mmCIF file of all heavy atoms, coordinates in Angstrom:
data_MODEL
# 
_entry.id   MODEL 
# 
loop_
_atom_site.group_PDB 
_atom_site.id 
_atom_site.type_symbol 
_atom_site.label_atom_id 
_atom_site.label_alt_id 
_atom_site.label_comp_id 
_atom_site.label_asym_id 
_atom_site.label_entity_id 
_atom_site.label_seq_id 
_atom_site.pdbx_PDB_ins_code 
_atom_site.Cartn_x 
_atom_site.Cartn_y 
_atom_site.Cartn_z 
_atom_site.occupancy 
_atom_site.B_iso_or_equiv 
_atom_site.pdbx_formal_charge 
_atom_site.auth_seq_id 
_atom_site.auth_comp_id 
_atom_site.auth_asym_id 
_atom_site.auth_atom_id 
_atom_site.pdbx_PDB_model_num 
ATOM 1   N N   . TYR A 1 1  ? -2.694 7.417   9.751  1.00 0.00 ? 1  TYR A N   1 
ATOM 2   C CA  . TYR A 1 1  ? -2.651 6.165   10.516 1.00 0.00 ? 1  TYR A CA  1 
ATOM 3   C C   . TYR A 1 1  ? -1.439 5.344   10.111 1.00 0.00 ? 1  TYR A C   1 
ATOM 4   O O   . TYR A 1 1  ? -1.213 5.132   8.921  1.00 0.00 ? 1  TYR A O   1 
ATOM 5   C CB  . TYR A 1 1  ? -3.906 5.329   10.261 1.00 0.00 ? 1  TYR A CB  1 
ATOM 6   C CG  . TYR A 1 1  ? -5.152 5.880   10.900 1.00 0.00 ? 1  TYR A CG  1 
ATOM 7   C CD1 . TYR A 1 1  ? -5.903 6.860   10.266 1.00 0.00 ? 1  TYR A CD1 1 
ATOM 8   C CD2 . TYR A 1 1  ? -5.583 5.421   12.131 1.00 0.00 ? 1  TYR A CD2 1 
ATOM 9   C CE1 . TYR A 1 1  ? -7.046 7.363   10.848 1.00 0.00 ? 1  TYR A CE1 1 
ATOM 10  C CE2 . TYR A 1 1  ? -6.734 5.918   12.721 1.00 0.00 ? 1  TYR A CE2 1 
ATOM 11  C CZ  . TYR A 1 1  ? -7.453 6.896   12.074 1.00 0.00 ? 1  TYR A CZ  1 
ATOM 12  O OH  . TYR A 1 1  ? -8.590 7.397   12.648 1.00 0.00 ? 1  TYR A OH  1 
ATOM 13  N N   . ARG A 1 2  ? -0.663 4.937   11.088 1.00 0.00 ? 2  ARG A N   1 
ATOM 14  C CA  . ARG A 1 2  ? 0.386  3.973   10.782 1.00 0.00 ? 2  ARG A CA  1 
ATOM 15  C C   . ARG A 1 2  ? -0.236 2.580   10.876 1.00 0.00 ? 2  ARG A C   1 
ATOM 16  O O   . ARG A 1 2  ? -1.166 2.355   11.648 1.00 0.00 ? 2  ARG A O   1 
ATOM 17  C CB  . ARG A 1 2  ? 1.579  4.095   11.724 1.00 0.00 ? 2  ARG A CB  1 
ATOM 18  C CG  . ARG A 1 2  ? 1.269  3.872   13.187 1.00 0.00 ? 2  ARG A CG  1 
ATOM 19  C CD  . ARG A 1 2  ? 2.543  3.829   14.015 1.00 0.00 ? 2  ARG A CD  1 
ATOM 20  N NE  . ARG A 1 2  ? 2.258  3.807   15.434 1.00 0.00 ? 2  ARG A NE  1 
ATOM 21  C CZ  . ARG A 1 2  ? 2.612  4.764   16.282 1.00 0.00 ? 2  ARG A CZ  1 
ATOM 22  N NH1 . ARG A 1 2  ? 3.263  5.840   15.839 1.00 0.00 ? 2  ARG A NH1 1 
ATOM 23  N NH2 . ARG A 1 2  ? 2.331  4.647   17.560 1.00 0.00 ? 2  ARG A NH2 1 
ATOM 24  N N   . ILE A 1 3  ? 0.316  1.650   10.113 1.00 0.00 ? 3  ILE A N   1 
ATOM 25  C CA  . ILE A 1 3  ? -0.195 0.289   10.053 1.00 0.00 ? 3  ILE A CA  1 
ATOM 26  C C   . ILE A 1 3  ? 0.926  -0.678  10.419 1.00 0.00 ? 3  ILE A C   1 
ATOM 27  O O   . ILE A 1 3  ? 2.064  -0.540  9.948  1.00 0.00 ? 3  ILE A O   1 
ATOM 28  C CB  . ILE A 1 3  ? -0.713 -0.043  8.651  1.00 0.00 ? 3  ILE A CB  1 
ATOM 29  C CG1 . ILE A 1 3  ? -1.869 0.890   8.277  1.00 0.00 ? 3  ILE A CG1 1 
ATOM 30  C CG2 . ILE A 1 3  ? -1.144 -1.511  8.564  1.00 0.00 ? 3  ILE A CG2 1 
ATOM 31  C CD1 . ILE A 1 3  ? -3.084 0.777   9.162  1.00 0.00 ? 3  ILE A CD1 1 
ATOM 32  N N   . GLY A 1 4  ? 0.594  -1.634  11.230 1.00 0.00 ? 4  GLY A N   1 
ATOM 33  C CA  . GLY A 1 4  ? 1.551  -2.669  11.587 1.00 0.00 ? 4  GLY A CA  1 
ATOM 34  C C   . GLY A 1 4  ? 0.995  -4.045  11.257 1.00 0.00 ? 4  GLY A C   1 
ATOM 35  O O   . GLY A 1 4  ? -0.224 -4.249  11.282 1.00 0.00 ? 4  GLY A O   1 
ATOM 36  N N   . TRP A 1 5  ? 1.883  -4.950  10.909 1.00 0.00 ? 5  TRP A N   1 
ATOM 37  C CA  . TRP A 1 5  ? 1.517  -6.347  10.723 1.00 0.00 ? 5  TRP A CA  1 
ATOM 38  C C   . TRP A 1 5  ? 2.234  -7.172  11.791 1.00 0.00 ? 5  TRP A C   1 
ATOM 39  O O   . TRP A 1 5  ? 3.448  -7.019  11.998 1.00 0.00 ? 5  TRP A O   1 
ATOM 40  C CB  . TRP A 1 5  ? 1.906  -6.843  9.326  1.00 0.00 ? 5  TRP A CB  1 
ATOM 41  C CG  . TRP A 1 5  ? 1.006  -6.372  8.247  1.00 0.00 ? 5  TRP A CG  1 
ATOM 42  C CD1 . TRP A 1 5  ? 1.178  -5.290  7.440  1.00 0.00 ? 5  TRP A CD1 1 
ATOM 43  C CD2 . TRP A 1 5  ? -0.224 -6.969  7.835  1.00 0.00 ? 5  TRP A CD2 1 
ATOM 44  N NE1 . TRP A 1 5  ? 0.141  -5.170  6.555  1.00 0.00 ? 5  TRP A NE1 1 
ATOM 45  C CE2 . TRP A 1 5  ? -0.737 -6.204  6.774  1.00 0.00 ? 5  TRP A CE2 1 
ATOM 46  C CE3 . TRP A 1 5  ? -0.948 -8.094  8.246  1.00 0.00 ? 5  TRP A CE3 1 
ATOM 47  C CZ2 . TRP A 1 5  ? -1.938 -6.500  6.121  1.00 0.00 ? 5  TRP A CZ2 1 
ATOM 48  C CZ3 . TRP A 1 5  ? -2.141 -8.401  7.604  1.00 0.00 ? 5  TRP A CZ3 1 
ATOM 49  C CH2 . TRP A 1 5  ? -2.625 -7.608  6.558  1.00 0.00 ? 5  TRP A CH2 1 
ATOM 50  N N   . PHE A 1 6  ? 1.482  -8.033  12.422 1.00 0.00 ? 6  PHE A N   1 
ATOM 51  C CA  . PHE A 1 6  ? 2.013  -8.902  13.462 1.00 0.00 ? 6  PHE A CA  1 
ATOM 52  C C   . PHE A 1 6  ? 1.606  -10.346 13.153 1.00 0.00 ? 6  PHE A C   1 
ATOM 53  O O   . PHE A 1 6  ? 0.707  -10.591 12.359 1.00 0.00 ? 6  PHE A O   1 
ATOM 54  C CB  . PHE A 1 6  ? 1.442  -8.510  14.833 1.00 0.00 ? 6  PHE A CB  1 
ATOM 55  C CG  . PHE A 1 6  ? 1.877  -7.157  15.309 1.00 0.00 ? 6  PHE A CG  1 
ATOM 56  C CD1 . PHE A 1 6  ? 1.300  -5.996  14.814 1.00 0.00 ? 6  PHE A CD1 1 
ATOM 57  C CD2 . PHE A 1 6  ? 2.863  -7.029  16.272 1.00 0.00 ? 6  PHE A CD2 1 
ATOM 58  C CE1 . PHE A 1 6  ? 1.702  -4.739  15.245 1.00 0.00 ? 6  PHE A CE1 1 
ATOM 59  C CE2 . PHE A 1 6  ? 3.272  -5.781  16.721 1.00 0.00 ? 6  PHE A CE2 1 
ATOM 60  C CZ  . PHE A 1 6  ? 2.689  -4.639  16.209 1.00 0.00 ? 6  PHE A CZ  1 
ATOM 61  N N   . ARG A 1 7  ? 2.263  -11.267 13.813 1.00 0.00 ? 7  ARG A N   1 
ATOM 62  C CA  . ARG A 1 7  ? 1.856  -12.656 13.684 1.00 0.00 ? 7  ARG A CA  1 
ATOM 63  C C   . ARG A 1 7  ? 2.078  -13.375 15.012 1.00 0.00 ? 7  ARG A C   1 
ATOM 64  O O   . ARG A 1 7  ? 2.914  -12.986 15.810 1.00 0.00 ? 7  ARG A O   1 
ATOM 65  C CB  . ARG A 1 7  ? 2.631  -13.365 12.570 1.00 0.00 ? 7  ARG A CB  1 
ATOM 66  C CG  . ARG A 1 7  ? 4.125  -13.525 12.811 1.00 0.00 ? 7  ARG A CG  1 
ATOM 67  C CD  . ARG A 1 7  ? 4.781  -14.106 11.577 1.00 0.00 ? 7  ARG A CD  1 
ATOM 68  N NE  . ARG A 1 7  ? 6.232  -14.269 11.763 1.00 0.00 ? 7  ARG A NE  1 
ATOM 69  C CZ  . ARG A 1 7  ? 7.057  -14.648 10.792 1.00 0.00 ? 7  ARG A CZ  1 
ATOM 70  N NH1 . ARG A 1 7  ? 6.587  -14.919 9.572  1.00 0.00 ? 7  ARG A NH1 1 
ATOM 71  N NH2 . ARG A 1 7  ? 8.351  -14.777 11.050 1.00 0.00 ? 7  ARG A NH2 1 
ATOM 72  N N   . ARG A 1 8  ? 1.301  -14.425 15.207 1.00 0.00 ? 8  ARG A N   1 
ATOM 73  C CA  . ARG A 1 8  ? 1.458  -15.261 16.390 1.00 0.00 ? 8  ARG A CA  1 
ATOM 74  C C   . ARG A 1 8  ? 1.433  -16.714 15.956 1.00 0.00 ? 8  ARG A C   1 
ATOM 75  O O   . ARG A 1 8  ? 0.410  -17.199 15.454 1.00 0.00 ? 8  ARG A O   1 
ATOM 76  C CB  . ARG A 1 8  ? 0.372  -14.996 17.417 1.00 0.00 ? 8  ARG A CB  1 
ATOM 77  C CG  . ARG A 1 8  ? 0.470  -15.917 18.633 1.00 0.00 ? 8  ARG A CG  1 
ATOM 78  C CD  . ARG A 1 8  ? -0.456 -15.500 19.738 1.00 0.00 ? 8  ARG A CD  1 
ATOM 79  N NE  . ARG A 1 8  ? 0.010  -14.295 20.374 1.00 0.00 ? 8  ARG A NE  1 
ATOM 80  C CZ  . ARG A 1 8  ? -0.663 -13.651 21.322 1.00 0.00 ? 8  ARG A CZ  1 
ATOM 81  N NH1 . ARG A 1 8  ? -1.828 -14.087 21.717 1.00 0.00 ? 8  ARG A NH1 1 
ATOM 82  N NH2 . ARG A 1 8  ? -0.171 -12.564 21.872 1.00 0.00 ? 8  ARG A NH2 1 
ATOM 83  N N   . ALA A 1 9  ? 2.551  -17.368 16.133 1.00 0.00 ? 9  ALA A N   1 
ATOM 84  C CA  . ALA A 1 9  ? 2.653  -18.797 15.830 1.00 0.00 ? 9  ALA A CA  1 
ATOM 85  C C   . ALA A 1 9  ? 2.197  -19.597 17.048 1.00 0.00 ? 9  ALA A C   1 
ATOM 86  O O   . ALA A 1 9  ? 2.219  -19.082 18.174 1.00 0.00 ? 9  ALA A O   1 
ATOM 87  C CB  . ALA A 1 9  ? 4.087  -19.146 15.469 1.00 0.00 ? 9  ALA A CB  1 
ATOM 88  N N   . PRO A 1 10 ? 1.785  -20.825 16.851 1.00 0.00 ? 10 PRO A N   1 
ATOM 89  C CA  . PRO A 1 10 ? 1.347  -21.657 17.980 1.00 0.00 ? 10 PRO A CA  1 
ATOM 90  C C   . PRO A 1 10 ? 2.415  -21.734 19.066 1.00 0.00 ? 10 PRO A C   1 
ATOM 91  O O   . PRO A 1 10 ? 3.579  -22.050 18.788 1.00 0.00 ? 10 PRO A O   1 
ATOM 92  C CB  . PRO A 1 10 ? 1.105  -23.021 17.326 1.00 0.00 ? 10 PRO A CB  1 
ATOM 93  C CG  . PRO A 1 10 ? 0.811  -22.727 15.904 1.00 0.00 ? 10 PRO A CG  1 
ATOM 94  C CD  . PRO A 1 10 ? 1.660  -21.529 15.565 1.00 0.00 ? 10 PRO A CD  1 
ATOM 95  N N   . GLY A 1 11 ? 2.029  -21.422 20.283 1.00 0.00 ? 11 GLY A N   1 
ATOM 96  C CA  . GLY A 1 11 ? 2.947  -21.511 21.407 1.00 0.00 ? 11 GLY A CA  1 
ATOM 97  C C   . GLY A 1 11 ? 3.982  -20.403 21.484 1.00 0.00 ? 11 GLY A C   1 
ATOM 98  O O   . GLY A 1 11 ? 4.887  -20.459 22.324 1.00 0.00 ? 11 GLY A O   1 
ATOM 99  N N   . GLU A 1 12 ? 3.854  -19.403 20.617 1.00 0.00 ? 12 GLU A N   1 
ATOM 100 C CA  . GLU A 1 12 ? 4.839  -18.323 20.579 1.00 0.00 ? 12 GLU A CA  1 
ATOM 101 C C   . GLU A 1 12 ? 4.207  -16.993 20.973 1.00 0.00 ? 12 GLU A C   1 
ATOM 102 O O   . GLU A 1 12 ? 2.980  -16.850 20.973 1.00 0.00 ? 12 GLU A O   1 
ATOM 103 C CB  . GLU A 1 12 ? 5.428  -18.202 19.169 1.00 0.00 ? 12 GLU A CB  1 
ATOM 104 C CG  . GLU A 1 12 ? 6.127  -19.451 18.663 1.00 0.00 ? 12 GLU A CG  1 
ATOM 105 C CD  . GLU A 1 12 ? 7.437  -19.719 19.365 1.00 0.00 ? 12 GLU A CD  1 
ATOM 106 O OE1 . GLU A 1 12 ? 8.046  -18.757 19.866 1.00 0.00 ? 12 GLU A OE1 1 
ATOM 107 O OE2 . GLU A 1 12 ? 7.844  -20.915 19.441 1.00 0.00 ? 12 GLU A OE2 1 
ATOM 108 N N   . GLU A 1 13 ? 5.064  -16.044 21.264 1.00 0.00 ? 13 GLU A N   1 
ATOM 109 C CA  . GLU A 1 13 ? 4.600  -14.689 21.539 1.00 0.00 ? 13 GLU A CA  1 
ATOM 110 C C   . GLU A 1 13 ? 4.256  -13.993 20.219 1.00 0.00 ? 13 GLU A C   1 
ATOM 111 O O   . GLU A 1 13 ? 4.739  -14.363 19.150 1.00 0.00 ? 13 GLU A O   1 
ATOM 112 C CB  . GLU A 1 13 ? 5.700  -13.899 22.245 1.00 0.00 ? 13 GLU A CB  1 
ATOM 113 C CG  . GLU A 1 13 ? 6.057  -14.419 23.620 1.00 0.00 ? 13 GLU A CG  1 
ATOM 114 C CD  . GLU A 1 13 ? 4.951  -14.153 24.617 1.00 0.00 ? 13 GLU A CD  1 
ATOM 115 O OE1 . GLU A 1 13 ? 4.326  -13.080 24.530 1.00 0.00 ? 13 GLU A OE1 1 
ATOM 116 O OE2 . GLU A 1 13 ? 4.709  -15.022 25.478 1.00 0.00 ? 13 GLU A OE2 1 
ATOM 117 N N   . ARG A 1 14 ? 3.428  -12.978 20.329 1.00 0.00 ? 14 ARG A N   1 
ATOM 118 C CA  . ARG A 1 14 ? 3.118  -12.173 19.151 1.00 0.00 ? 14 ARG A CA  1 
ATOM 119 C C   . ARG A 1 14 ? 4.383  -11.474 18.668 1.00 0.00 ? 14 ARG A C   1 
ATOM 120 O O   . ARG A 1 14 ? 5.140  -10.930 19.462 1.00 0.00 ? 14 ARG A O   1 
ATOM 121 C CB  . ARG A 1 14 ? 2.044  -11.153 19.499 1.00 0.00 ? 14 ARG A CB  1 
ATOM 122 C CG  . ARG A 1 14 ? 1.587  -10.293 18.358 1.00 0.00 ? 14 ARG A CG  1 
ATOM 123 C CD  . ARG A 1 14 ? 0.342  -9.512  18.740 1.00 0.00 ? 14 ARG A CD  1 
ATOM 124 N NE  . ARG A 1 14 ? 0.380  -8.988  20.080 1.00 0.00 ? 14 ARG A NE  1 
ATOM 125 C CZ  . ARG A 1 14 ? -0.615 -8.345  20.667 1.00 0.00 ? 14 ARG A CZ  1 
ATOM 126 N NH1 . ARG A 1 14 ? -1.747 -8.169  20.020 1.00 0.00 ? 14 ARG A NH1 1 
ATOM 127 N NH2 . ARG A 1 14 ? -0.494 -7.890  21.901 1.00 0.00 ? 14 ARG A NH2 1 
ATOM 128 N N   . GLU A 1 15 ? 4.593  -11.473 17.364 1.00 0.00 ? 15 GLU A N   1 
ATOM 129 C CA  . GLU A 1 15 ? 5.813  -10.932 16.763 1.00 0.00 ? 15 GLU A CA  1 
ATOM 130 C C   . GLU A 1 15 ? 5.459  -9.857  15.744 1.00 0.00 ? 15 GLU A C   1 
ATOM 131 O O   . GLU A 1 15 ? 4.566  -10.052 14.916 1.00 0.00 ? 15 GLU A O   1 
ATOM 132 C CB  . GLU A 1 15 ? 6.584  -12.060 16.073 1.00 0.00 ? 15 GLU A CB  1 
ATOM 133 C CG  . GLU A 1 15 ? 7.792  -11.608 15.292 1.00 0.00 ? 15 GLU A CG  1 
ATOM 134 C CD  . GLU A 1 15 ? 8.390  -12.710 14.432 1.00 0.00 ? 15 GLU A CD  1 
ATOM 135 O OE1 . GLU A 1 15 ? 7.667  -13.646 14.074 1.00 0.00 ? 15 GLU A OE1 1 
ATOM 136 O OE2 . GLU A 1 15 ? 9.583  -12.607 14.118 1.00 0.00 ? 15 GLU A OE2 1 
ATOM 137 N N   . GLY A 1 16 ? 6.157  -8.758  15.807 1.00 0.00 ? 16 GLY A N   1 
ATOM 138 C CA  . GLY A 1 16 ? 5.979  -7.723  14.793 1.00 0.00 ? 16 GLY A CA  1 
ATOM 139 C C   . GLY A 1 16 ? 6.671  -8.129  13.511 1.00 0.00 ? 16 GLY A C   1 
ATOM 140 O O   . GLY A 1 16 ? 7.842  -8.497  13.530 1.00 0.00 ? 16 GLY A O   1 
ATOM 141 N N   . VAL A 1 17 ? 5.976  -8.070  12.406 1.00 0.00 ? 17 VAL A N   1 
ATOM 142 C CA  . VAL A 1 17 ? 6.505  -8.498  11.116 1.00 0.00 ? 17 VAL A CA  1 
ATOM 143 C C   . VAL A 1 17 ? 6.908  -7.308  10.254 1.00 0.00 ? 17 VAL A C   1 
ATOM 144 O O   . VAL A 1 17 ? 7.990  -7.295  9.656  1.00 0.00 ? 17 VAL A O   1 
ATOM 145 C CB  . VAL A 1 17 ? 5.458  -9.345  10.373 1.00 0.00 ? 17 VAL A CB  1 
ATOM 146 C CG1 . VAL A 1 17 ? 5.944  -9.698  8.966  1.00 0.00 ? 17 VAL A CG1 1 
ATOM 147 C CG2 . VAL A 1 17 ? 5.126  -10.598 11.167 1.00 0.00 ? 17 VAL A CG2 1 
ATOM 148 N N   . SER A 1 18 ? 6.044  -6.302  10.202 1.00 0.00 ? 18 SER A N   1 
ATOM 149 C CA  . SER A 1 18 ? 6.299  -5.170  9.319  1.00 0.00 ? 18 SER A CA  1 
ATOM 150 C C   . SER A 1 18 ? 5.461  -3.989  9.779  1.00 0.00 ? 18 SER A C   1 
ATOM 151 O O   . SER A 1 18 ? 4.526  -4.137  10.571 1.00 0.00 ? 18 SER A O   1 
ATOM 152 C CB  . SER A 1 18 ? 5.941  -5.546  7.882  1.00 0.00 ? 18 SER A CB  1 
ATOM 153 O OG  . SER A 1 18 ? 6.179  -4.471  7.000  1.00 0.00 ? 18 SER A OG  1 
ATOM 154 N N   . CYS A 1 19 ? 5.809  -2.814  9.269  1.00 0.00 ? 19 CYS A N   1 
ATOM 155 C CA  . CYS A 1 19 ? 4.979  -1.635  9.487  1.00 0.00 ? 19 CYS A CA  1 
ATOM 156 C C   . CYS A 1 19 ? 5.129  -0.727  8.277  1.00 0.00 ? 19 CYS A C   1 
ATOM 157 O O   . CYS A 1 19 ? 6.113  -0.808  7.535  1.00 0.00 ? 19 CYS A O   1 
ATOM 158 C CB  . CYS A 1 19 ? 5.343  -0.901  10.768 1.00 0.00 ? 19 CYS A CB  1 
ATOM 159 S SG  . CYS A 1 19 ? 6.936  -0.083  10.741 1.00 0.00 ? 19 CYS A SG  1 
ATOM 160 N N   . ILE A 1 20 ? 4.150  0.139   8.103  1.00 0.00 ? 20 ILE A N   1 
ATOM 161 C CA  . ILE A 1 20 ? 4.175  1.097   7.010  1.00 0.00 ? 20 ILE A CA  1 
ATOM 162 C C   . ILE A 1 20 ? 3.562  2.388   7.494  1.00 0.00 ? 20 ILE A C   1 
ATOM 163 O O   . ILE A 1 20 ? 2.543  2.403   8.202  1.00 0.00 ? 20 ILE A O   1 
ATOM 164 C CB  . ILE A 1 20 ? 3.442  0.542   5.766  1.00 0.00 ? 20 ILE A CB  1 
ATOM 165 C CG1 . ILE A 1 20 ? 3.552  1.510   4.586  1.00 0.00 ? 20 ILE A CG1 1 
ATOM 166 C CG2 . ILE A 1 20 ? 1.980  0.205   6.083  1.00 0.00 ? 20 ILE A CG2 1 
ATOM 167 C CD1 . ILE A 1 20 ? 3.089  0.912   3.261  1.00 0.00 ? 20 ILE A CD1 1 
ATOM 168 N N   . SER A 1 21 ? 4.186  3.493   7.142  1.00 0.00 ? 21 SER A N   1 
ATOM 169 C CA  . SER A 1 21 ? 3.694  4.797   7.578  1.00 0.00 ? 21 SER A CA  1 
ATOM 170 C C   . SER A 1 21 ? 2.455  5.192   6.785  1.00 0.00 ? 21 SER A C   1 
ATOM 171 O O   . SER A 1 21 ? 2.104  4.575   5.786  1.00 0.00 ? 21 SER A O   1 
ATOM 172 C CB  . SER A 1 21 ? 4.788  5.843   7.394  1.00 0.00 ? 21 SER A CB  1 
ATOM 173 O OG  . SER A 1 21 ? 5.170  5.930   6.027  1.00 0.00 ? 21 SER A OG  1 
ATOM 174 N N   . SER A 1 22 ? 1.811  6.255   7.234  1.00 0.00 ? 22 SER A N   1 
ATOM 175 C CA  . SER A 1 22 ? 0.572  6.694   6.603  1.00 0.00 ? 22 SER A CA  1 
ATOM 176 C C   . SER A 1 22 ? 0.772  7.079   5.148  1.00 0.00 ? 22 SER A C   1 
ATOM 177 O O   . SER A 1 22 ? -0.092 6.831   4.301  1.00 0.00 ? 22 SER A O   1 
ATOM 178 C CB  . SER A 1 22 ? -0.009 7.875   7.391  1.00 0.00 ? 22 SER A CB  1 
ATOM 179 O OG  . SER A 1 22 ? -1.297 8.219   6.940  1.00 0.00 ? 22 SER A OG  1 
ATOM 180 N N   . ASP A 1 23 ? 1.931  7.687   4.843  1.00 0.00 ? 23 ASP A N   1 
ATOM 181 C CA  . ASP A 1 23 ? 2.193  8.082   3.450  1.00 0.00 ? 23 ASP A CA  1 
ATOM 182 C C   . ASP A 1 23 ? 2.866  6.983   2.650  1.00 0.00 ? 23 ASP A C   1 
ATOM 183 O O   . ASP A 1 23 ? 3.143  7.148   1.472  1.00 0.00 ? 23 ASP A O   1 
ATOM 184 C CB  . ASP A 1 23 ? 3.025  9.362   3.402  1.00 0.00 ? 23 ASP A CB  1 
ATOM 185 C CG  . ASP A 1 23 ? 4.400  9.206   4.019  1.00 0.00 ? 23 ASP A CG  1 
ATOM 186 O OD1 . ASP A 1 23 ? 4.746  8.092   4.465  1.00 0.00 ? 23 ASP A OD1 1 
ATOM 187 O OD2 . ASP A 1 23 ? 5.122  10.201  4.082  1.00 0.00 ? 23 ASP A OD2 1 
ATOM 188 N N   . GLY A 1 24 ? 3.143  5.854   3.289  1.00 0.00 ? 24 GLY A N   1 
ATOM 189 C CA  . GLY A 1 24 ? 3.732  4.718   2.591  1.00 0.00 ? 24 GLY A CA  1 
ATOM 190 C C   . GLY A 1 24 ? 5.232  4.801   2.370  1.00 0.00 ? 24 GLY A C   1 
ATOM 191 O O   . GLY A 1 24 ? 5.832  3.866   1.848  1.00 0.00 ? 24 GLY A O   1 
ATOM 192 N N   . ASP A 1 25 ? 5.852  5.905   2.791  1.00 0.00 ? 25 ASP A N   1 
ATOM 193 C CA  . ASP A 1 25 ? 7.273  6.083   2.505  1.00 0.00 ? 25 ASP A CA  1 
ATOM 194 C C   . ASP A 1 25 ? 8.185  5.363   3.495  1.00 0.00 ? 25 ASP A C   1 
ATOM 195 O O   . ASP A 1 25 ? 9.331  5.072   3.185  1.00 0.00 ? 25 ASP A O   1 
ATOM 196 C CB  . ASP A 1 25 ? 7.615  7.576   2.487  1.00 0.00 ? 25 ASP A CB  1 
ATOM 197 C CG  . ASP A 1 25 ? 7.191  8.231   1.183  1.00 0.00 ? 25 ASP A CG  1 
ATOM 198 O OD1 . ASP A 1 25 ? 6.782  7.498   0.247  1.00 0.00 ? 25 ASP A OD1 1 
ATOM 199 O OD2 . ASP A 1 25 ? 7.263  9.465   1.085  1.00 0.00 ? 25 ASP A OD2 1 
ATOM 200 N N   . ALA A 1 26 ? 7.719  5.124   4.678  1.00 0.00 ? 26 ALA A N   1 
ATOM 201 C CA  . ALA A 1 26 ? 8.508  4.404   5.678  1.00 0.00 ? 26 ALA A CA  1 
ATOM 202 C C   . ALA A 1 26 ? 7.959  2.990   5.806  1.00 0.00 ? 26 ALA A C   1 
ATOM 203 O O   . ALA A 1 26 ? 6.761  2.801   6.079  1.00 0.00 ? 26 ALA A O   1 
ATOM 204 C CB  . ALA A 1 26 ? 8.440  5.114   7.027  1.00 0.00 ? 26 ALA A CB  1 
ATOM 205 N N   . ARG A 1 27 ? 8.840  2.015   5.583  1.00 0.00 ? 27 ARG A N   1 
ATOM 206 C CA  . ARG A 1 27 ? 8.442  0.605   5.671  1.00 0.00 ? 27 ARG A CA  1 
ATOM 207 C C   . ARG A 1 27 ? 9.573  -0.143  6.353  1.00 0.00 ? 27 ARG A C   1 
ATOM 208 O O   . ARG A 1 27 ? 10.738 0.006   5.969  1.00 0.00 ? 27 ARG A O   1 
ATOM 209 C CB  . ARG A 1 27 ? 8.189  0.012   4.284  1.00 0.00 ? 27 ARG A CB  1 
ATOM 210 C CG  . ARG A 1 27 ? 7.271  0.844   3.407  1.00 0.00 ? 27 ARG A CG  1 
ATOM 211 C CD  . ARG A 1 27 ? 7.029  0.203   2.057  1.00 0.00 ? 27 ARG A CD  1 
ATOM 212 N NE  . ARG A 1 27 ? 6.385  1.164   1.152  1.00 0.00 ? 27 ARG A NE  1 
ATOM 213 C CZ  . ARG A 1 27 ? 5.688  0.823   0.075  1.00 0.00 ? 27 ARG A CZ  1 
ATOM 214 N NH1 . ARG A 1 27 ? 5.533  -0.453  -0.240 1.00 0.00 ? 27 ARG A NH1 1 
ATOM 215 N NH2 . ARG A 1 27 ? 5.143  1.738   -0.702 1.00 0.00 ? 27 ARG A NH2 1 
# 
C-alpha cells in the first residue's frame, strides 16, 4: 500500500503534502 498525506486549509483546495511507498524507500 502506498500512503499519501493531504491537507485542506479553510477556503482552499485539498493539497498533497507527502507520500511514502510501501517499503518506505520512496518519499
